[in-house]
Structure formats: C-alpha cells, structure tokens
C-alpha atoms as a PDB file:
ATOM      1  CA  MET A   1       0.159   0.235   0.407  1.00  0.00           C
ATOM      2  CA  ARG A   2       2.936   2.564   1.165  1.00  0.00           C
ATOM      3  CA  MET A   3       3.942   1.677  -2.816  1.00  0.00           C
ATOM      4  CA  PHE A   4       1.083   2.364  -4.482  1.00  0.00           C
ATOM      5  CA  LEU A   5       1.230   5.599  -2.153  1.00  0.00           C
ATOM      6  CA  LEU A   6       4.378   6.422  -3.492  1.00  0.00           C
ATOM      7  CA  THR A   7       3.395   6.436  -6.970  1.00  0.00           C
ATOM      8  CA  LEU A   8       0.581   7.909  -6.281  1.00  0.00           C
ATOM      9  CA  ALA A   9       2.087  10.936  -5.331  1.00  0.00           C
ATOM     10  CA  GLY A  10       5.096  11.098  -8.331  1.00  0.00           C
ATOM     11  CA  LEU A  11       2.364  10.573 -10.822  1.00  0.00           C
ATOM     12  CA  ALA A  12       0.572  13.515  -9.229  1.00  0.00           C
ATOM     13  CA  LEU A  13       3.676  15.879  -8.617  1.00  0.00           C
ATOM     14  CA  LEU A  14       4.747  14.720 -12.420  1.00  0.00           C
ATOM     15  CA  THR A  15       1.448  15.267 -13.958  1.00  0.00           C
ATOM     16  CA  GLY A  16       1.245  18.696 -12.074  1.00  0.00           C
ATOM     17  CA  CYS A  17       4.657  20.037 -13.752  1.00  0.00           C
ATOM     18  CA  SER A  18       3.858  18.212 -16.953  1.00  0.00           C
ATOM     19  CA  GLY A  19       2.809  21.610 -19.085  1.00  0.00           C
ATOM     20  CA  GLY A  20      -0.505  21.616 -18.501  1.00  0.00           C
ATOM     21  CA  PRO A  21      -3.271  24.877 -19.780  1.00  0.00           C
ATOM     22  CA  ALA A  22      -0.498  27.136 -17.525  1.00  0.00           C
ATOM     23  CA  SER A  23       2.342  26.669 -20.206  1.00  0.00           C
ATOM     24  CA  VAL A  24       0.262  26.736 -23.135  1.00  0.00           C
ATOM     25  CA  ALA A  25       2.629  29.472 -24.993  1.00  0.00           C
ATOM     26  CA  CYS A  26       0.565  32.963 -25.793  1.00  0.00           C
ATOM     27  CA  PRO A  27       0.647  34.606 -28.908  1.00  0.00           C
ATOM     28  CA  ALA A  28       1.837  38.371 -28.951  1.00  0.00           C
ATOM     29  CA  MET A  29      -1.502  39.989 -29.635  1.00  0.00           C
ATOM     30  CA  ALA A  30      -3.776  42.475 -27.592  1.00  0.00           C
ATOM     31  CA  ALA A  31      -6.837  43.352 -28.414  1.00  0.00           C
ATOM     32  CA  ARG A  32      -7.875  47.040 -29.392  1.00  0.00           C
ATOM     33  CA  ALA A  33     -10.521  49.167 -27.337  1.00  0.00           C
ATOM     34  CA  GLY A  34     -13.057  50.677 -28.302  1.00  0.00           C
ATOM     35  CA  ILE A  35     -16.518  50.079 -30.326  1.00  0.00           C
ATOM     36  CA  GLY A  36     -17.876  47.672 -33.109  1.00  0.00           C
ATOM     37  CA  LEU A  37     -20.320  49.082 -35.915  1.00  0.00           C
ATOM     38  CA  ASP A  38     -21.788  46.228 -37.720  1.00  0.00           C
ATOM     39  CA  ILE A  39     -25.125  47.380 -39.639  1.00  0.00           C
ATOM     40  CA  GLU A  40     -27.370  44.662 -41.044  1.00  0.00           C
ATOM     41  CA  ALA A  41     -28.545  44.323 -44.790  1.00  0.00           C
ATOM     42  CA  PRO A  42     -30.508  46.080 -46.352  1.00  0.00           C
ATOM     43  CA  LEU A  43     -29.489  49.106 -44.864  1.00  0.00           C
ATOM     44  CA  ALA A  44     -26.545  49.156 -45.813  1.00  0.00           C
ATOM     45  CA  ALA A  45     -26.103  49.261 -48.708  1.00  0.00           C
ATOM     46  CA  LYS A  46     -27.813  52.532 -48.061  1.00  0.00           C
ATOM     47  CA  VAL A  47     -25.219  54.246 -45.634  1.00  0.00           C
ATOM     48  CA  VAL A  48     -22.056  55.690 -47.120  1.00  0.00           C
ATOM     49  CA  LYS A  49     -21.291  57.397 -43.866  1.00  0.00           C
ATOM     50  CA  ALA A  50     -21.265  56.621 -40.195  1.00  0.00           C
ATOM     51  CA  THR A  51     -20.210  57.886 -37.495  1.00  0.00           C
ATOM     52  CA  VAL A  52     -20.309  57.221 -33.730  1.00  0.00           C
ATOM     53  CA  ASP A  53     -20.347  60.369 -31.022  1.00  0.00           C
ATOM     54  CA  GLY A  54     -19.230  62.919 -33.623  1.00  0.00           C
ATOM     55  CA  LYS A  55     -16.479  60.598 -35.100  1.00  0.00           C
ATOM     56  CA  ASP A  56     -16.481  58.872 -38.319  1.00  0.00           C
ATOM     57  CA  VAL A  57     -16.037  54.964 -38.351  1.00  0.00           C
ATOM     58  CA  HIS A  58     -14.703  53.745 -41.701  1.00  0.00           C
ATOM     59  CA  LEU A  59     -16.928  50.974 -43.046  1.00  0.00           C
ATOM     60  CA  ASP A  60     -15.733  47.443 -44.770  1.00  0.00           C
ATOM     61  CA  GLU A  61     -17.798  45.139 -46.801  1.00  0.00           C
ATOM     62  CA  SER A  62     -19.572  42.369 -43.711  1.00  0.00           C
ATOM     63  CA  THR A  63     -17.873  38.388 -45.384  1.00  0.00           C
ATOM     64  CA  ALA A  64     -18.556  35.355 -43.923  1.00  0.00           C
ATOM     65  CA  ALA A  65     -16.650  31.783 -45.172  1.00  0.00           C
ATOM     66  CA  VAL A  66     -18.815  29.118 -46.933  1.00  0.00           C
ATOM     67  CA  PRO A  67     -17.827  26.330 -47.865  1.00  0.00           C
ATOM     68  CA  SER A  68     -16.405  26.027 -51.509  1.00  0.00           C
ATOM     69  CA  THR A  69     -14.814  21.984 -51.882  1.00  0.00           C
ATOM     70  CA  CYS A  70     -16.595  20.123 -50.014  1.00  0.00           C
ATOM     71  CA  PRO A  71     -16.935  16.182 -51.307  1.00  0.00           C
ATOM     72  CA  PRO A  72     -20.529  15.036 -50.353  1.00  0.00           C
ATOM     73  CA  GLY A  73     -21.171  12.464 -47.598  1.00  0.00           C
ATOM     74  CA  LYS A  74     -17.262  11.751 -47.635  1.00  0.00           C
ATOM     75  CA  PRO A  75     -16.314  13.519 -44.200  1.00  0.00           C
ATOM     76  CA  ASP A  76     -13.420  13.014 -44.034  1.00  0.00           C
ATOM     77  CA  GLN A  77     -11.812  14.412 -47.708  1.00  0.00           C
ATOM     78  CA  PRO A  78     -10.097  18.332 -47.273  1.00  0.00           C
ATOM     79  CA  CYS A  79     -12.847  20.641 -47.653  1.00  0.00           C
ATOM     80  CA  SER A  80     -11.888  24.630 -48.359  1.00  0.00           C
ATOM     81  CA  ALA A  81     -14.228  27.691 -48.052  1.00  0.00           C
ATOM     82  CA  LYS A  82     -14.522  31.014 -49.595  1.00  0.00           C
ATOM     83  CA  MET A  83     -15.587  34.517 -48.237  1.00  0.00           C
ATOM     84  CA  VAL A  84     -18.551  35.879 -50.017  1.00  0.00           C
ATOM     85  CA  ARG A  85     -19.800  39.413 -49.414  1.00  0.00           C
ATOM     86  CA  THR A  86     -22.855  39.068 -46.893  1.00  0.00           C
ATOM     87  CA  GLY A  87     -24.405  42.533 -47.736  1.00  0.00           C
ATOM     88  CA  ALA A  88     -23.998  43.776 -44.442  1.00  0.00           C
ATOM     89  CA  LYS A  89     -21.649  46.593 -43.591  1.00  0.00           C
ATOM     90  CA  ASN A  90     -19.250  46.779 -40.168  1.00  0.00           C
ATOM     91  CA  GLY A  91     -16.504  48.785 -38.763  1.00  0.00           C
ATOM     92  CA  PHE A  92     -14.468  49.524 -35.649  1.00  0.00           C
ATOM     93  CA  LEU A  93     -14.386  53.000 -33.045  1.00  0.00           C
ATOM     94  CA  ASP A  94     -10.455  52.962 -31.719  1.00  0.00           C
ATOM     95  CA  GLN A  95     -10.925  54.255 -28.149  1.00  0.00           C
ATOM     96  CA  THR A  96      -8.835  54.330 -25.854  1.00  0.00           C
ATOM     97  CA  GLY A  97      -9.745  54.641 -22.320  1.00  0.00           C
ATOM     98  CA  LEU A  98     -12.743  53.085 -22.997  1.00  0.00           C
ATOM     99  CA  LYS A  99     -14.496  51.596 -19.390  1.00  0.00           C
ATOM    100  CA  LEU A 100     -16.133  49.053 -18.045  1.00  0.00           C
ATOM    101  CA  GLU A 101     -19.100  50.684 -16.564  1.00  0.00           C
ATOM    102  CA  PRO A 102     -22.352  51.747 -18.337  1.00  0.00           C
ATOM    103  CA  MET A 103     -21.928  54.557 -21.409  1.00  0.00           C
ATOM    104  CA  ARG A 104     -24.163  56.290 -23.877  1.00  0.00           C
ATOM    105  CA  LEU A 105     -22.785  56.317 -27.652  1.00  0.00           C
ATOM    106  CA  SER A 106     -24.965  58.649 -30.069  1.00  0.00           C
ATOM    107  CA  VAL A 107     -24.951  56.381 -33.728  1.00  0.00           C
ATOM    108  CA  ARG A 108     -25.942  58.419 -37.096  1.00  0.00           C
ATOM    109  CA  LEU A 109     -25.974  56.858 -40.622  1.00  0.00           C
ATOM    110  CA  THR A 110     -26.551  59.095 -43.828  1.00  0.00           C
ATOM    111  CA  ASP A 111     -26.513  58.008 -47.483  1.00  0.00           C
ATOM    112  CA  ALA A 112     -24.940  59.428 -51.010  1.00  0.00           C
ATOM    113  CA  ALA A 113     -27.062  62.483 -50.678  1.00  0.00           C
ATOM    114  CA  GLY A 114     -26.232  62.789 -46.996  1.00  0.00           C
ATOM    115  CA  ALA A 115     -29.444  61.741 -46.095  1.00  0.00           C
ATOM    116  CA  VAL A 116     -29.941  60.734 -42.144  1.00  0.00           C
ATOM    117  CA  LEU A 117     -31.116  57.124 -41.903  1.00  0.00           C
ATOM    118  CA  VAL A 118     -30.121  56.597 -38.596  1.00  0.00           C
ATOM    119  CA  ASP A 119     -29.626  58.894 -35.262  1.00  0.00           C
ATOM    120  CA  GLN A 120     -29.985  58.039 -31.814  1.00  0.00           C
ATOM    121  CA  ASP A 121     -28.797  57.161 -29.009  1.00  0.00           C
ATOM    122  CA  ILE A 122     -27.666  54.048 -27.127  1.00  0.00           C
ATOM    123  CA  GLN A 123     -26.263  52.790 -23.613  1.00  0.00           C
ATOM    124  CA  LEU A 124     -23.833  49.692 -23.448  1.00  0.00           C
ATOM    125  CA  THR A 125     -21.695  48.079 -21.137  1.00  0.00           C
ATOM    126  CA  PRO A 126     -18.203  48.027 -22.725  1.00  0.00           C
ATOM    127  CA  LYS A 127     -16.138  44.098 -21.842  1.00  0.00           C
ATOM    128  CA  GLU A 128     -13.101  43.219 -21.698  1.00  0.00           C
ATOM    129  CA  ILE A 129     -12.191  40.901 -24.312  1.00  0.00           C
ATOM    130  CA  PHE A 130      -8.563  38.387 -24.383  1.00  0.00           C
ATOM    131  CA  PRO A 131      -7.682  37.146 -27.925  1.00  0.00           C
ATOM    132  CA  ALA A 132      -6.146  33.807 -26.741  1.00  0.00           C
ATOM    133  CA  GLY A 133      -8.109  33.725 -23.475  1.00  0.00           C
ATOM    134  CA  ALA A 134      -8.018  35.485 -20.312  1.00  0.00           C
ATOM    135  CA  HIS A 135      -5.227  33.325 -19.192  1.00  0.00           C
ATOM    136  CA  CYS A 136      -2.981  35.309 -22.158  1.00  0.00           C
ATOM    137  CA  GLY A 137      -3.694  38.884 -21.144  1.00  0.00           C
ATOM    138  CA  GLY A 138      -4.363  41.928 -23.403  1.00  0.00           C
ATOM    139  CA  GLY A 139      -7.281  42.929 -22.832  1.00  0.00           C
ATOM    140  CA  GLN A 140      -8.569  45.977 -23.913  1.00  0.00           C
ATOM    141  CA  PRO A 141     -12.679  47.086 -23.292  1.00  0.00           C
ATOM    142  CA  GLN A 142     -14.686  46.785 -26.550  1.00  0.00           C
ATOM    143  CA  ALA A 143     -18.661  47.512 -26.963  1.00  0.00           C
ATOM    144  CA  GLY A 144     -20.814  46.918 -29.708  1.00  0.00           C
ATOM    145  CA  VAL A 145     -23.630  48.278 -31.309  1.00  0.00           C
ATOM    146  CA  LEU A 146     -25.617  45.881 -34.027  1.00  0.00           C
ATOM    147  CA  VAL A 147     -28.145  47.762 -36.141  1.00  0.00           C
ATOM    148  CA  ALA A 148     -30.414  46.236 -37.895  1.00  0.00           C
ATOM    149  CA  ALA A 149     -32.064  46.536 -40.979  1.00  0.00           C
ATOM    150  CA  ASP A 150     -35.255  48.336 -39.693  1.00  0.00           C
ATOM    151  CA  GLY A 151     -32.731  51.343 -38.298  1.00  0.00           C
ATOM    152  CA  THR A 152     -33.287  50.018 -34.218  1.00  0.00           C
ATOM    153  CA  MET A 153     -29.949  49.295 -32.415  1.00  0.00           C
ATOM    154  CA  ARG A 154     -29.104  46.990 -29.815  1.00  0.00           C
ATOM    155  CA  GLN A 155     -25.806  46.247 -27.552  1.00  0.00           C
ATOM    156  CA  ARG A 156     -24.199  43.321 -29.529  1.00  0.00           C
ATOM    157  CA  PRO A 157     -23.378  40.479 -27.436  1.00  0.00           C
END
C-alpha cells in the first residue's frame, strides 16, 4: 500500500509539472479598445457615412466563410471555404480610455445624398476582450452596436 501511495504521489507531482494549461504558449497580441459597429443588410447598402459620438467610422463590406469544395458524403476529405459578401457593413472606432461601465453612445448613419437614415443614442456596457484567452492577457474594453435592417439598435453580444 505504501508503494502505491508513493507511486500515486509521484504521478501527481509529474502531472502537475508536465505542462498543463498554464504552460501553453501565448501569442504576442492584444485586443484594441473601442466600439464595433455592424449594420445589417439591406440598410447597409444605403449607408455611405457612419459616425459614433461625432467621430467618423470607416465601414467595410462584411463577409462570411462558406464551404467551397467539400465532396458530398465524404466527411474525411479536406474541404475549402471562400469568403462571400453578406450585404452588411462593419467598422471599428478605436477609443482609448474606455471603461467597463455603462455608457451612452450616439450613432448616426447617412446616405450618399446626406439624408439621415439613423440618428439614435444607445446605452451599452463594454466588456473586456482577450484575443487568446484571459490566461494570455492583452485584454481591452470593447463594446459593439448592431444596427438592424429596420434601423433599430442593440448592443452586440
């Protein structure tokens, strides 16, 4: 019995030092502090300018990955994917000094003629985002606003 306990203690010691989750290498990267903006289709097609709290937000076309060459009925075969436009748009406003507490933002979207499509305030609470997990650090506060096709807004999860 004594030998069993010694063996068990030795295994516990070796397992604890064998490179569990704490020894996983972390990438040298950090999140950006700021506000994300997502605009759903078809409203996004009309939007040419977006501002958050009076600051311009550069908008990009949103994309999604879809299967491209997956042989049907052969789950062991390699597949590829391609990016396709979704009709939505997205942007990000860098904002240093963002705090993890409730805040109010003003979002304004305009079309090519300068007509206002959306001009609303929203209350949201930033969350700390860790790009490679909390154990790797590099966290920054971020919040996201989703503008629906009908112009209503909500905080992005």
